[in-house]
Amino acid sequence: MFGMKDSQTAGQGAQAPAGTIVDATDATFMQEVIEASQKVPVIVDFWATWCGPCKTLGPALEDAVAKQGGKVKLVKIDVDANQAYAAQLQVQSIPTVYAFFQGQPVDAFQGALPPSQVQEFVQKLAAMSPEAGAEDEGLAQAIEAADQMLEEGDAAGAAETFAAVLQEEPANAAAYAGLVKAYLALNDIDQAEAVLNGAPAEIAHSPELDAAHAQIALARQAAGAGPVADLEARLEADPADHQARYDLATALHAQGKVAEAVDQLLELFRRDRDWNEGAAKTQLFTIFDALPAKDPVVQSGRRRLSSMIFA
């Protein structure tokens, strides 16, 4: 990572295509990260030459990105020489890694992860890339039909179809995620969680199953959500009651008012982004992860959150 400028030499077991592992500065951040992320996910590694853990994480990131063959880009930023965007993203310790896609931050972590977890992190991002391979057409059509059943309220029929797909392809992440959604629609959270826990190890950290984890977490929160009217009254009496605003967002989401829940969490983030260890941003990412990436609520919410982070 340190002093390495030629991306062709990056990676321990694979060569990265030219331009997929680069050094950047505050001056080139918009071009190398924000603009580039319109095409493929971009990982930003904030590091420094004196940082011991960075010397472990950097090569692991480079190796994982090289293995993806251009589906993901890695941008390395020395925080000693480039402090502007590190400050905007509230980088308080290094290494810190952010992931961007379509101009928005979509994931992040701090500290040096084991190589296996770094591989999982990069693989999840690679799955977002337009270059990622398509599923088998026949199974994809069956999954689409099951999704349509869910939208029309036939959760039981959808569950049968998803289960049939899994008989044909036991490691189909989309079918597993669909089966989880079907059981959640049937108000059987325990069974949904059992299905998720039974997924094969090779897809355990796929984007679809990460979304399913988020959906289950939100479903369990919904079970304890308070009355919306009471929470709205508390906020009207004291707009600075952050807990009431957070609880109101949970209650609104439980009623299916996802956009309204996102609005409340964004307002909480605007008022105090550090409240309860950044609970508003964490909950926003949970909601975003539970929805399709192209959902208008997700796209609008990520855009508004990003504008606050970079303000």
Protein backbone atom coordinates (compact mmCIF):
# COMPACT_ATOMS: atom_id res chain seq x y z
CA MET A 1 0.00 0.00 0.00
CA PHE A 2 2.76 2.41 0.93
CA GLY A 3 4.57 3.86 -2.03
CA MET A 4 2.76 1.49 -4.42
CA LYS A 5 1.56 3.48 -7.42
CA ASP A 6 1.24 0.81 -10.08
CA SER A 7 -2.08 -1.00 -9.71
CA GLN A 8 -0.78 -3.90 -11.79
CA THR A 9 1.43 -4.94 -8.87
CA ALA A 10 -1.35 -4.83 -6.28
CA GLY A 11 -2.92 -7.94 -4.84
CA GLN A 12 -1.28 -11.00 -3.46
CA GLY A 13 -2.92 -13.54 -5.77
CA ALA A 14 -4.38 -11.50 -8.62
CA GLN A 15 -3.54 -8.50 -10.77
CA ALA A 16 -5.88 -5.53 -10.59
CA PRO A 17 -6.99 -3.97 -13.89
CA ALA A 18 -5.42 -0.57 -14.52
CA GLY A 19 -7.13 2.23 -12.64
CA THR A 20 -8.89 0.08 -10.06
CA ILE A 21 -6.37 0.75 -7.26
CA VAL A 22 -5.25 4.38 -7.10
CA ASP A 23 -3.91 7.03 -4.74
CA ALA A 24 -6.03 10.16 -4.47
CA THR A 25 -6.00 13.60 -2.83
CA ASP A 26 -8.62 16.05 -1.65
CA ALA A 27 -8.30 17.70 -5.06
CA THR A 28 -9.11 14.48 -6.94
CA PHE A 29 -11.67 13.05 -4.48
CA MET A 30 -14.73 14.09 -6.50
CA GLN A 31 -13.34 12.57 -9.70
CA GLU A 32 -11.81 9.39 -8.27
CA VAL A 33 -14.58 8.62 -5.76
CA ILE A 34 -17.90 10.37 -6.33
CA GLU A 35 -17.85 10.40 -10.13
CA ALA A 36 -16.23 6.97 -10.43
CA SER A 37 -18.84 5.46 -8.09
CA GLN A 38 -21.52 6.16 -10.68
CA LYS A 39 -20.09 3.21 -12.62
CA VAL A 40 -18.76 0.81 -9.97
CA PRO A 41 -18.60 0.75 -6.14
CA VAL A 42 -15.59 2.66 -4.80
CA ILE A 43 -13.80 1.80 -1.55
CA VAL A 44 -11.94 4.67 0.13
CA ASP A 45 -9.10 3.67 2.46
CA PHE A 46 -8.09 6.52 4.80
CA TRP A 47 -4.57 5.70 6.03
CA ALA A 48 -1.25 7.19 7.16
CA THR A 49 2.35 6.05 6.92
CA TRP A 50 2.73 5.87 10.72
CA CYS A 51 -0.39 3.70 11.19
CA GLY A 52 0.51 0.10 12.04
CA PRO A 53 -2.92 -1.49 11.37
CA CYS A 54 -2.99 0.29 7.99
CA LYS A 55 -0.04 -1.82 6.89
CA THR A 56 -2.15 -4.93 7.45
CA LEU A 57 -5.45 -3.67 6.07
CA GLY A 58 -4.06 -1.99 2.96
CA PRO A 59 -2.66 -5.12 1.26
CA ALA A 60 -5.77 -7.12 2.25
CA LEU A 61 -8.00 -4.54 0.57
CA GLU A 62 -5.80 -4.47 -2.51
CA ASP A 63 -5.85 -8.26 -2.80
CA ALA A 64 -9.64 -8.44 -2.39
CA VAL A 65 -10.24 -5.67 -4.93
CA ALA A 66 -7.80 -7.22 -7.42
CA LYS A 67 -9.74 -10.50 -7.28
CA GLN A 68 -12.93 -8.72 -8.40
CA GLY A 69 -11.48 -7.93 -11.81
CA GLY A 70 -12.73 -4.36 -12.09
CA LYS A 71 -16.10 -4.70 -10.36
CA VAL A 72 -14.80 -2.57 -7.47
CA LYS A 73 -12.34 0.33 -7.27
CA LEU A 74 -10.00 1.11 -4.35
CA VAL A 75 -8.95 4.70 -3.63
CA LYS A 76 -6.24 5.31 -1.02
CA ILE A 77 -6.02 8.66 0.79
CA ASP A 78 -3.17 9.67 3.11
CA VAL A 79 -4.94 11.64 5.86
CA ASP A 80 -1.77 13.47 6.89
CA ALA A 81 -1.61 15.17 3.50
CA ASN A 82 -5.36 15.25 2.77
CA GLN A 83 -7.61 16.20 5.67
CA ALA A 84 -10.65 17.87 4.10
CA TYR A 85 -12.80 14.87 3.15
CA ALA A 86 -11.57 12.86 6.13
CA ALA A 87 -12.95 15.63 8.34
CA GLN A 88 -16.25 15.77 6.46
CA LEU A 89 -16.69 12.03 6.85
CA GLN A 90 -15.79 12.29 10.55
CA VAL A 91 -12.75 10.03 10.29
CA GLN A 92 -11.59 10.00 13.90
CA SER A 93 -9.20 7.04 13.78
CA ILE A 94 -7.40 5.11 11.10
CA PRO A 95 -7.64 2.97 9.24
CA THR A 96 -11.18 3.98 8.32
CA VAL A 97 -12.83 2.62 5.19
CA TYR A 98 -15.85 4.06 3.39
CA ALA A 99 -17.67 2.53 0.43
CA PHE A 100 -19.48 4.68 -2.16
CA PHE A 101 -21.89 3.71 -4.90
CA GLN A 102 -23.72 6.04 -7.26
CA GLY A 103 -22.30 9.01 -5.41
CA GLN A 104 -23.52 7.98 -1.96
CA PRO A 105 -21.81 6.33 1.04
CA VAL A 106 -23.23 2.81 1.37
CA ASP A 107 -21.03 1.15 3.99
CA ALA A 108 -18.06 1.77 6.29
CA PHE A 109 -15.86 0.27 9.00
CA GLN A 110 -12.96 1.25 11.24
CA GLY A 111 -9.88 -0.73 12.19
CA ALA A 112 -8.06 -3.60 10.53
CA LEU A 113 -10.39 -6.52 9.80
CA PRO A 114 -9.20 -10.10 9.25
CA PRO A 115 -8.58 -10.87 5.54
CA SER A 116 -11.68 -13.11 5.41
CA GLN A 117 -13.92 -10.24 6.53
CA VAL A 118 -12.23 -7.87 4.11
CA GLN A 119 -12.99 -10.33 1.30
CA GLU A 120 -16.65 -10.49 2.38
CA PHE A 121 -16.87 -6.68 2.52
CA VAL A 122 -15.49 -6.33 -1.00
CA GLN A 123 -17.57 -9.19 -2.39
CA LYS A 124 -20.75 -7.57 -1.08
CA LEU A 125 -19.86 -4.35 -2.87
CA ALA A 126 -18.90 -6.18 -6.07
CA ALA A 127 -22.39 -7.67 -6.17
CA MET A 128 -23.75 -4.13 -6.61
CA SER A 129 -21.66 -3.57 -9.72
CA PRO A 130 -23.44 -3.49 -13.10
CA GLU A 131 -20.77 -5.96 -14.23
CA ALA A 132 -21.92 -8.60 -11.76
CA GLY A 133 -23.23 -11.71 -13.51
CA ALA A 134 -26.94 -12.31 -13.99
CA GLU A 135 -28.80 -15.20 -12.41
CA ASP A 136 -30.07 -18.17 -14.36
CA GLU A 137 -32.99 -16.83 -16.40
CA GLY A 138 -35.51 -19.52 -15.45
CA LEU A 139 -34.89 -19.25 -11.72
CA ALA A 140 -34.83 -15.48 -11.97
CA GLN A 141 -38.29 -15.55 -13.55
CA ALA A 142 -39.57 -17.80 -10.75
CA ILE A 143 -38.17 -15.41 -8.14
CA GLU A 144 -39.77 -12.47 -9.94
CA ALA A 145 -43.10 -14.28 -9.91
CA ALA A 146 -42.77 -14.99 -6.19
CA ASP A 147 -41.94 -11.36 -5.51
CA GLN A 148 -45.10 -10.41 -7.38
CA MET A 149 -47.11 -12.80 -5.18
CA LEU A 150 -45.70 -11.06 -2.12
CA GLU A 151 -46.73 -7.66 -3.46
CA GLU A 152 -50.24 -8.98 -4.09
CA GLY A 153 -50.52 -10.36 -0.54
CA ASP A 154 -50.07 -14.07 -1.29
CA ALA A 155 -47.23 -14.66 1.17
CA ALA A 156 -47.94 -18.38 1.49
CA GLY A 157 -47.77 -18.90 -2.27
CA ALA A 158 -44.61 -16.85 -2.48
CA ALA A 159 -43.00 -18.97 0.26
CA GLU A 160 -43.77 -22.14 -1.72
CA THR A 161 -42.23 -20.70 -4.87
CA PHE A 162 -39.09 -19.48 -3.12
CA ALA A 163 -38.73 -22.90 -1.47
CA ALA A 164 -39.04 -24.59 -4.87
CA VAL A 165 -36.26 -22.39 -6.26
CA LEU A 166 -34.05 -23.40 -3.34
CA GLN A 167 -34.63 -27.06 -4.15
CA GLU A 168 -33.16 -26.36 -7.60
CA GLU A 169 -30.38 -24.06 -6.38
CA PRO A 170 -29.73 -24.38 -2.62
CA ALA A 171 -27.33 -21.42 -2.57
CA ASN A 172 -29.62 -18.93 -4.31
CA ALA A 173 -29.35 -15.81 -2.15
CA ALA A 174 -32.34 -14.06 -3.73
CA ALA A 175 -34.60 -17.05 -3.00
CA TYR A 176 -33.42 -17.24 0.61
CA ALA A 177 -34.05 -13.53 1.06
CA GLY A 178 -37.48 -13.90 -0.55
CA LEU A 179 -38.39 -16.77 1.77
CA VAL A 180 -37.42 -14.61 4.74
CA LYS A 181 -39.65 -11.79 3.46
CA ALA A 182 -42.52 -14.22 2.96
CA TYR A 183 -42.36 -15.43 6.57
CA LEU A 184 -42.12 -11.84 7.79
CA ALA A 185 -45.25 -11.08 5.79
CA LEU A 186 -46.88 -14.01 7.58
CA ASN A 187 -45.82 -12.42 10.91
CA ASP A 188 -43.59 -15.38 11.72
CA ILE A 189 -40.35 -13.62 12.68
CA ASP A 190 -38.89 -16.67 14.40
CA GLN A 191 -39.30 -18.83 11.28
CA ALA A 192 -37.87 -16.06 9.12
CA GLU A 193 -34.81 -15.94 11.35
CA ALA A 194 -34.50 -19.74 11.29
CA VAL A 195 -34.51 -19.68 7.48
CA LEU A 196 -31.83 -17.00 7.45
CA ASN A 197 -29.66 -18.86 9.94
CA GLY A 198 -29.86 -21.97 7.75
CA ALA A 199 -28.45 -20.27 4.66
CA PRO A 200 -25.24 -21.79 3.24
CA ALA A 201 -22.01 -20.19 4.41
CA GLU A 202 -21.03 -19.09 0.89
CA ILE A 203 -24.00 -16.69 0.67
CA ALA A 204 -24.22 -15.73 4.34
CA HIS A 205 -22.81 -12.27 3.64
CA SER A 206 -24.45 -11.62 0.29
CA PRO A 207 -26.30 -8.29 -0.18
CA GLU A 208 -29.63 -10.13 -0.30
CA LEU A 209 -29.09 -11.83 3.05
CA ASP A 210 -27.67 -8.68 4.59
CA ALA A 211 -30.95 -7.04 3.59
CA ALA A 212 -32.85 -9.93 5.18
CA HIS A 213 -30.95 -9.42 8.44
CA ALA A 214 -31.97 -5.76 8.38
CA GLN A 215 -35.61 -6.66 7.67
CA ILE A 216 -35.70 -9.03 10.65
CA ALA A 217 -34.12 -6.43 12.92
CA LEU A 218 -36.72 -3.88 11.86
CA ALA A 219 -39.53 -6.39 12.33
CA ARG A 220 -38.44 -7.09 15.91
CA GLN A 221 -38.24 -3.36 16.59
CA ALA A 222 -41.75 -2.95 15.20
CA ALA A 223 -43.09 -5.41 17.77
CA GLY A 224 -42.17 -2.98 20.54
CA ALA A 225 -43.06 0.26 18.78
CA GLY A 226 -45.17 2.72 20.76
CA PRO A 227 -48.33 4.56 19.65
CA VAL A 228 -47.56 7.15 16.97
CA ALA A 229 -49.96 9.71 18.39
CA ASP A 230 -48.32 9.62 21.82
CA LEU A 231 -44.85 10.02 20.36
CA GLU A 232 -45.97 12.87 18.12
CA ALA A 233 -47.42 14.61 21.18
CA ARG A 234 -44.10 14.22 23.01
CA LEU A 235 -42.24 15.75 20.09
CA GLU A 236 -44.69 18.61 19.79
CA ALA A 237 -44.15 19.39 23.47
CA ASP A 238 -40.37 19.12 23.12
CA PRO A 239 -38.86 19.04 19.59
CA ALA A 240 -35.45 18.40 21.18
CA ASP A 241 -36.59 15.05 22.66
CA HIS A 242 -34.30 12.89 20.52
CA GLN A 243 -35.47 9.60 22.02
CA ALA A 244 -39.07 10.45 21.18
CA ARG A 245 -38.09 11.27 17.60
CA TYR A 246 -36.15 8.01 17.27
CA ASP A 247 -39.06 6.02 18.74
CA LEU A 248 -41.48 7.83 16.42
CA ALA A 249 -39.39 6.76 13.42
CA THR A 250 -39.56 3.15 14.66
CA ALA A 251 -43.33 3.36 15.11
CA LEU A 252 -43.84 4.94 11.68
CA HIS A 253 -41.74 2.24 10.02
CA ALA A 254 -43.79 -0.41 11.81
CA GLN A 255 -46.90 1.05 10.17
CA GLY A 256 -45.29 0.88 6.74
CA LYS A 257 -44.65 4.63 6.61
CA VAL A 258 -41.04 4.19 5.57
CA ALA A 259 -40.53 7.60 3.96
CA GLU A 260 -41.90 9.33 7.06
CA ALA A 261 -39.61 7.24 9.28
CA VAL A 262 -36.61 8.23 7.17
CA ASP A 263 -37.65 11.90 7.42
CA GLN A 264 -37.65 11.72 11.23
CA LEU A 265 -34.25 10.00 11.35
CA LEU A 266 -32.74 12.53 8.97
CA GLU A 267 -34.08 15.34 11.14
CA LEU A 268 -32.57 13.66 14.20
CA PHE A 269 -29.23 13.34 12.38
CA ARG A 270 -29.43 17.02 11.41
CA ARG A 271 -30.08 18.05 15.01
CA ASP A 272 -27.45 15.84 16.64
CA ARG A 273 -25.58 13.34 14.46
CA ASP A 274 -23.68 11.96 17.47
CA TRP A 275 -26.73 11.29 19.66
CA ASN A 276 -26.71 7.80 21.18
CA GLU A 277 -23.48 6.90 19.35
CA GLY A 278 -24.83 7.90 15.95
CA ALA A 279 -28.07 5.91 16.32
CA ALA A 280 -29.89 7.92 13.64
CA LYS A 281 -27.35 7.11 10.91
CA THR A 282 -27.15 3.49 12.01
CA GLN A 283 -30.93 3.12 11.82
CA LEU A 284 -31.02 4.86 8.45
CA PHE A 285 -28.51 2.38 7.05
CA THR A 286 -30.57 -0.48 8.50
CA ILE A 287 -33.66 0.80 6.69
CA PHE A 288 -31.71 1.38 3.47
CA ASP A 289 -30.18 -2.11 3.67
CA ALA A 290 -33.65 -3.64 4.07
CA LEU A 291 -34.90 -2.11 0.81
CA PRO A 292 -33.85 -2.53 -2.83
CA ALA A 293 -30.98 -0.20 -3.76
CA LYS A 294 -33.11 1.50 -6.43
CA ASP A 295 -36.08 2.16 -4.13
CA PRO A 296 -36.92 5.90 -4.37
CA VAL A 297 -36.95 6.17 -0.56
CA VAL A 298 -33.42 4.74 -0.43
CA GLN A 299 -32.08 6.92 -3.23
CA SER A 300 -33.61 10.08 -1.80
CA GLY A 301 -32.60 9.21 1.76
CA ARG A 302 -28.99 8.42 0.85
CA ARG A 303 -28.75 11.62 -1.18
CA ARG A 304 -30.09 13.75 1.68
CA LEU A 305 -27.87 12.02 4.25
CA SER A 306 -24.85 12.49 2.01
CA SER A 307 -25.59 16.21 1.63
CA MET A 308 -25.64 16.54 5.42
CA ILE A 309 -22.38 14.61 5.84
CA PHE A 310 -20.60 16.73 3.23
CA ALA A 311 -22.17 20.03 4.31
